[in-house]
Amino acid sequence: MERKRACKHCHRLFIPVRNPQQQFCSRSKCQNVRKSTWRREKHKHDPDYRENQNQASKRWRKKNPGYWRHYRAAHPPYTEGNRYKQRQRNQVFYKGPEPPYPSKASQFANSDA
């Protein structure tokens, strides 16, 4: 009898078909997670892979100039949401995070006057 194994993503039981070390089931969502995890790790640890991906991105951008300009023009709600989120990130970056409690210094009157 073949041993069942729990999928690393969805935790459902499956029988490894071809590869005894298989860790993900065959569901498309689990396979997408497996592939994206592999790409992320490969990009992190393999300089040749990283360079190849960067060159491919450059070629694509050169071949598709204005893609993002057209995309933003065609998707205004997405663009507005992105602008709002970027403003929030900028506030945190430039001001620093908000204190978890109100400052006591602002409660005292200035007696220098």
Protein backbone atom coordinates (compact mmCIF):
# COMPACT_ATOMS: atom_id res chain seq x y z
CA MET A 1 0.00 0.00 0.00
CA GLU A 2 1.30 3.45 -0.91
CA ARG A 3 1.85 5.92 1.88
CA LYS A 4 -0.18 9.09 1.94
CA ARG A 5 1.47 12.38 2.68
CA ALA A 6 0.09 15.77 3.79
CA CYS A 7 0.48 18.61 1.30
CA LYS A 8 2.77 21.38 2.57
CA HIS A 9 0.26 24.04 1.51
CA CYS A 10 -3.30 22.76 1.97
CA HIS A 11 -2.47 19.87 4.36
CA ARG A 12 -4.71 17.46 2.44
CA LEU A 13 -3.53 13.88 2.14
CA PHE A 14 -2.23 12.73 -1.24
CA ILE A 15 -0.25 9.83 -2.69
CA PRO A 16 3.04 10.88 -4.32
CA VAL A 17 2.70 9.71 -7.92
CA ARG A 18 6.11 10.01 -9.59
CA ASN A 19 8.49 11.46 -7.06
CA PRO A 20 8.76 9.85 -3.60
CA GLN A 21 9.97 13.20 -2.20
CA GLN A 22 6.91 15.08 -3.52
CA GLN A 23 5.73 17.57 -0.90
CA PHE A 24 2.78 19.32 -2.59
CA CYS A 25 -0.41 17.79 -3.95
CA SER A 26 -1.47 18.27 -7.57
CA ARG A 27 -4.07 21.00 -6.95
CA SER A 28 -3.29 24.08 -9.04
CA LYS A 29 -3.16 26.44 -6.04
CA CYS A 30 -0.66 24.19 -4.27
CA GLN A 31 1.44 23.88 -7.43
CA ASN A 32 1.47 27.68 -7.80
CA VAL A 33 2.71 28.00 -4.21
CA ARG A 34 5.39 25.37 -4.88
CA LYS A 35 6.58 27.16 -8.01
CA SER A 36 6.63 30.62 -6.43
CA THR A 37 8.53 29.27 -3.41
CA TRP A 38 11.07 27.64 -5.73
CA ARG A 39 11.50 30.86 -7.74
CA ARG A 40 11.89 32.97 -4.60
CA GLU A 41 14.58 30.67 -3.18
CA LYS A 42 16.35 30.36 -6.53
CA HIS A 43 16.37 34.15 -6.94
CA LYS A 44 17.74 34.57 -3.41
CA HIS A 45 20.60 32.07 -3.68
CA ASP A 46 21.57 31.80 -7.36
CA PRO A 47 23.29 34.89 -8.86
CA ASP A 48 23.17 33.46 -12.41
CA TYR A 49 19.41 32.89 -12.20
CA ARG A 50 18.91 36.36 -10.71
CA GLU A 51 20.96 37.99 -13.50
CA ASN A 52 19.06 36.05 -16.16
CA GLN A 53 15.71 37.13 -14.71
CA ASN A 54 16.86 40.76 -14.54
CA GLN A 55 17.95 40.68 -18.19
CA ALA A 56 14.65 39.11 -19.23
CA SER A 57 12.77 41.87 -17.38
CA LYS A 58 14.86 44.55 -19.09
CA ARG A 59 14.18 43.00 -22.51
CA TRP A 60 10.44 42.88 -21.75
CA ARG A 61 10.37 46.52 -20.60
CA LYS A 62 12.27 47.60 -23.72
CA LYS A 63 9.87 45.63 -25.92
CA ASN A 64 6.76 47.01 -24.12
CA PRO A 65 7.40 50.72 -23.50
CA GLY A 66 4.48 52.55 -21.95
CA TYR A 67 2.83 49.36 -20.69
CA TRP A 68 2.40 50.64 -17.15
CA ARG A 69 1.26 54.08 -18.34
CA HIS A 70 -1.50 52.40 -20.39
CA TYR A 71 -2.34 50.00 -17.56
CA ARG A 72 -2.76 52.83 -15.06
CA ALA A 73 -4.94 54.77 -17.52
CA ALA A 74 -7.16 51.71 -18.02
CA HIS A 75 -7.46 50.83 -14.28
CA PRO A 76 -8.17 54.05 -12.30
CA PRO A 77 -9.48 52.37 -9.09
CA TYR A 78 -6.31 50.28 -8.82
CA THR A 79 -4.17 53.36 -9.46
CA GLU A 80 -5.98 55.44 -6.83
CA GLY A 81 -5.70 52.65 -4.24
CA ASN A 82 -2.00 52.30 -4.98
CA ARG A 83 -1.47 56.06 -4.56
CA TYR A 84 -3.28 56.00 -1.23
CA LYS A 85 -1.16 53.09 0.06
CA GLN A 86 2.04 54.79 -1.13
CA ARG A 87 1.10 57.99 0.73
CA GLN A 88 0.66 55.94 3.91
CA ARG A 89 4.05 54.24 3.42
CA ASN A 90 5.68 57.63 2.78
CA GLN A 91 4.24 59.05 6.01
CA VAL A 92 5.65 56.17 8.03
CA PHE A 93 9.02 56.41 6.28
CA TYR A 94 9.47 60.17 6.64
CA LYS A 95 7.82 60.74 10.04
CA GLY A 96 8.53 57.45 11.68
CA PRO A 97 5.84 55.26 13.18
CA GLU A 98 3.18 56.81 15.35
CA PRO A 99 3.82 56.43 19.09
CA PRO A 100 1.59 53.80 20.70
CA TYR A 101 0.32 56.33 23.25
CA PRO A 102 -0.10 60.15 23.26
CA SER A 103 2.94 62.16 24.26
CA LYS A 104 2.76 63.65 27.76
CA ALA A 105 4.97 66.60 26.74
CA SER A 106 2.14 68.16 24.70
CA GLN A 107 -0.11 68.30 27.79
CA PHE A 108 2.07 70.79 29.69
CA ALA A 109 1.86 74.54 29.18
CA ASN A 110 4.99 76.41 28.21
CA SER A 111 6.00 78.63 31.16
CA ASP A 112 8.74 80.50 29.28
CA ALA A 113 6.35 83.21 28.04
